[in-house]
Amino acid sequence: MREVGRGGRVPSPAGEAALTLGSDERERLLRAARGAKGSEVCGLLLGRRRGRDVAVERVLRLANAAAGGAAAGSFRIRPVDHLRAERSALEEGLVVVGVWHSHPAGGARPSRVDCAAAVRGWVQVIVAPAASGGSDLRAWEVEDGEPRELALRAL
């Protein structure tokens, strides 16, 4: 896929799943990853699912409760934070559609651990440093342990 400005990627051919992300929410993800200074940051994505497409309307940053802390190179969201996010989403007429996290020292592709922990029906948005010096933001679904990239669309 080829990049299209700040907004995202060119949609994939008809029938492929896509993730829509507003520019404010995209910037919120990039800023959180840049500000983490080498630690892994994470949160949940609130929005709507329409068929195979996912529209993210709000990005929540949550504390990384992984053993060893965020610097350990993994992430874990506390159940109480997840529950609060679910309630907040319902109050807004949304649902939790996925999770986001950073890979401060790796690419924006799900690791084996990410694939094993993937929740069926959720998307994973991963932010990582890009070779160009900027940041790479990519969206994935994991089915049967195999990651499949989603096209990114801007609002």
Protein backbone atom coordinates (compact mmCIF):
# COMPACT_ATOMS: atom_id res chain seq x y z
CA MET A 1 0.00 0.00 0.00
CA ARG A 2 1.20 3.48 -0.67
CA GLU A 3 1.05 6.26 1.90
CA VAL A 4 -1.31 9.20 1.40
CA GLY A 5 -0.24 12.20 3.46
CA ARG A 6 -0.95 12.33 7.19
CA GLY A 7 -4.37 10.77 6.76
CA GLY A 8 -3.44 7.16 6.27
CA ARG A 9 -3.11 4.66 3.49
CA VAL A 10 -4.91 4.20 0.22
CA PRO A 11 -7.85 1.85 0.78
CA SER A 12 -7.27 -1.75 -0.22
CA PRO A 13 -9.23 -3.34 -3.05
CA ALA A 14 -12.96 -3.82 -2.53
CA GLY A 15 -13.84 -6.37 0.09
CA GLU A 16 -10.76 -5.86 2.28
CA ALA A 17 -11.20 -4.57 5.82
CA ALA A 18 -10.21 -1.01 6.69
CA LEU A 19 -9.74 1.08 9.81
CA THR A 20 -10.86 4.72 9.82
CA LEU A 21 -9.00 7.01 12.20
CA GLY A 22 -9.45 10.77 12.57
CA SER A 23 -6.41 13.02 12.34
CA ASP A 24 -6.77 14.15 15.98
CA GLU A 25 -6.85 10.56 17.22
CA ARG A 26 -3.95 9.60 14.94
CA GLU A 27 -1.90 12.49 16.32
CA ARG A 28 -2.81 11.46 19.88
CA LEU A 29 -1.36 7.97 19.22
CA LEU A 30 1.82 9.31 17.62
CA ARG A 31 2.36 11.86 20.42
CA ALA A 32 1.90 9.20 23.13
CA ALA A 33 4.44 6.88 21.49
CA ARG A 34 6.98 9.69 20.98
CA GLY A 35 6.58 10.89 24.56
CA ALA A 36 7.13 7.44 26.06
CA LYS A 37 10.92 7.67 25.63
CA GLY A 38 11.55 4.01 24.88
CA SER A 39 8.78 2.56 27.06
CA GLU A 40 5.80 0.70 25.68
CA VAL A 41 2.52 2.63 25.98
CA CYS A 42 -0.96 1.26 25.40
CA GLY A 43 -4.68 1.84 25.50
CA LEU A 44 -8.02 0.96 23.98
CA LEU A 45 -9.84 2.07 20.85
CA LEU A 46 -13.50 3.07 21.06
CA GLY A 47 -15.67 3.23 18.00
CA ARG A 48 -17.99 1.29 15.75
CA ARG A 49 -17.70 -1.77 13.55
CA ARG A 50 -19.57 -1.84 10.24
CA GLY A 51 -19.13 -5.23 8.63
CA ARG A 52 -15.39 -5.73 8.29
CA ASP A 53 -14.62 -2.01 8.61
CA VAL A 54 -13.79 -0.35 11.93
CA ALA A 55 -14.20 3.36 12.69
CA VAL A 56 -12.21 4.58 15.70
CA GLU A 57 -13.86 7.60 17.30
CA ARG A 58 -11.87 7.84 20.50
CA VAL A 59 -8.43 6.70 21.63
CA LEU A 60 -7.89 6.03 25.32
CA ARG A 61 -4.41 5.94 26.81
CA LEU A 62 -4.29 3.59 29.79
CA ALA A 63 -1.58 2.68 32.28
CA ASN A 64 0.69 -0.14 31.20
CA ALA A 65 0.44 -2.73 33.98
CA ALA A 66 2.89 -5.25 32.47
CA ALA A 67 5.18 -7.06 34.86
CA GLY A 68 8.42 -5.12 34.93
CA GLY A 69 6.65 -1.96 33.83
CA ALA A 70 6.34 -0.33 30.44
CA ALA A 71 10.09 -0.48 29.92
CA ALA A 72 9.89 -4.30 29.83
CA GLY A 73 8.82 -4.23 26.18
CA SER A 74 5.31 -5.55 26.67
CA PHE A 75 1.93 -4.24 27.71
CA ARG A 76 -1.02 -5.26 29.83
CA ILE A 77 -4.23 -3.36 30.52
CA ARG A 78 -5.66 -3.76 34.01
CA PRO A 79 -9.13 -5.34 34.06
CA VAL A 80 -10.53 -2.41 36.06
CA ASP A 81 -9.32 0.04 33.38
CA HIS A 82 -10.83 -2.16 30.68
CA LEU A 83 -14.16 -2.23 32.51
CA ARG A 84 -14.17 1.57 32.88
CA ALA A 85 -13.45 1.91 29.17
CA GLU A 86 -16.32 -0.44 28.31
CA ARG A 87 -18.70 1.63 30.45
CA SER A 88 -17.47 4.89 28.94
CA ALA A 89 -17.92 3.51 25.44
CA LEU A 90 -21.48 2.37 26.17
CA GLU A 91 -22.38 5.80 27.57
CA GLU A 92 -21.24 7.31 24.25
CA GLY A 93 -23.00 4.71 22.10
CA LEU A 94 -19.66 3.12 21.16
CA VAL A 95 -17.89 -0.17 21.83
CA VAL A 96 -14.29 -1.17 22.43
CA VAL A 97 -13.10 -2.12 18.93
CA GLY A 98 -9.49 -2.81 19.73
CA VAL A 99 -6.25 -2.08 21.46
CA TRP A 100 -3.28 0.11 20.58
CA HIS A 101 0.29 -0.03 21.75
CA SER A 102 3.77 1.06 20.79
CA HIS A 103 6.81 -0.92 19.77
CA PRO A 104 9.60 1.47 20.79
CA ALA A 105 12.38 -0.78 19.48
CA GLY A 106 10.63 -2.73 16.75
CA GLY A 107 8.43 -2.42 13.71
CA ALA A 108 4.72 -1.67 13.61
CA ARG A 109 3.85 -5.34 13.06
CA PRO A 110 2.37 -7.65 15.74
CA SER A 111 4.93 -9.75 17.58
CA ARG A 112 4.35 -13.42 18.38
CA VAL A 113 3.20 -12.33 21.86
CA ASP A 114 0.79 -9.79 20.30
CA CYS A 115 -0.65 -12.49 18.02
CA ALA A 116 -1.05 -14.97 20.87
CA ALA A 117 -2.83 -12.39 23.05
CA ALA A 118 -5.04 -11.00 20.27
CA VAL A 119 -8.76 -10.77 20.99
CA ARG A 120 -10.90 -12.13 18.17
CA GLY A 121 -12.82 -9.32 16.48
CA TRP A 122 -10.56 -6.58 17.82
CA VAL A 123 -8.07 -4.56 15.83
CA GLN A 124 -4.54 -3.79 16.99
CA VAL A 125 -3.00 -0.45 16.13
CA ILE A 126 0.76 -0.42 16.57
CA VAL A 127 2.97 2.68 16.55
CA ALA A 128 6.72 2.29 16.03
CA PRO A 129 9.69 4.40 14.96
CA ALA A 130 10.05 4.56 11.17
CA ALA A 131 13.31 4.35 9.26
CA SER A 132 12.68 7.91 8.06
CA GLY A 133 12.95 9.17 11.64
CA GLY A 134 9.20 9.68 11.99
CA SER A 135 6.65 7.18 13.23
CA ASP A 136 4.91 4.30 11.52
CA LEU A 137 1.29 3.57 12.47
CA ARG A 138 -0.33 0.39 11.18
CA ALA A 139 -3.56 -1.50 11.92
CA TRP A 140 -3.97 -5.27 12.15
CA GLU A 141 -6.47 -8.02 12.78
CA VAL A 142 -5.21 -11.38 13.97
CA GLU A 143 -7.08 -14.51 12.94
CA ASP A 144 -5.88 -17.97 13.92
CA GLY A 145 -2.59 -16.47 15.09
CA GLU A 146 -1.88 -14.80 11.73
CA PRO A 147 -1.78 -11.00 11.43
CA ARG A 148 -3.57 -9.34 8.52
CA GLU A 149 -3.00 -5.65 7.88
CA LEU A 150 -5.98 -3.35 7.48
CA ALA A 151 -6.01 -0.36 5.17
CA LEU A 152 -5.94 2.96 7.06
CA ARG A 153 -8.41 5.67 6.09
CA ALA A 154 -8.59 9.23 7.36
CA LEU A 155 -11.77 10.92 8.57
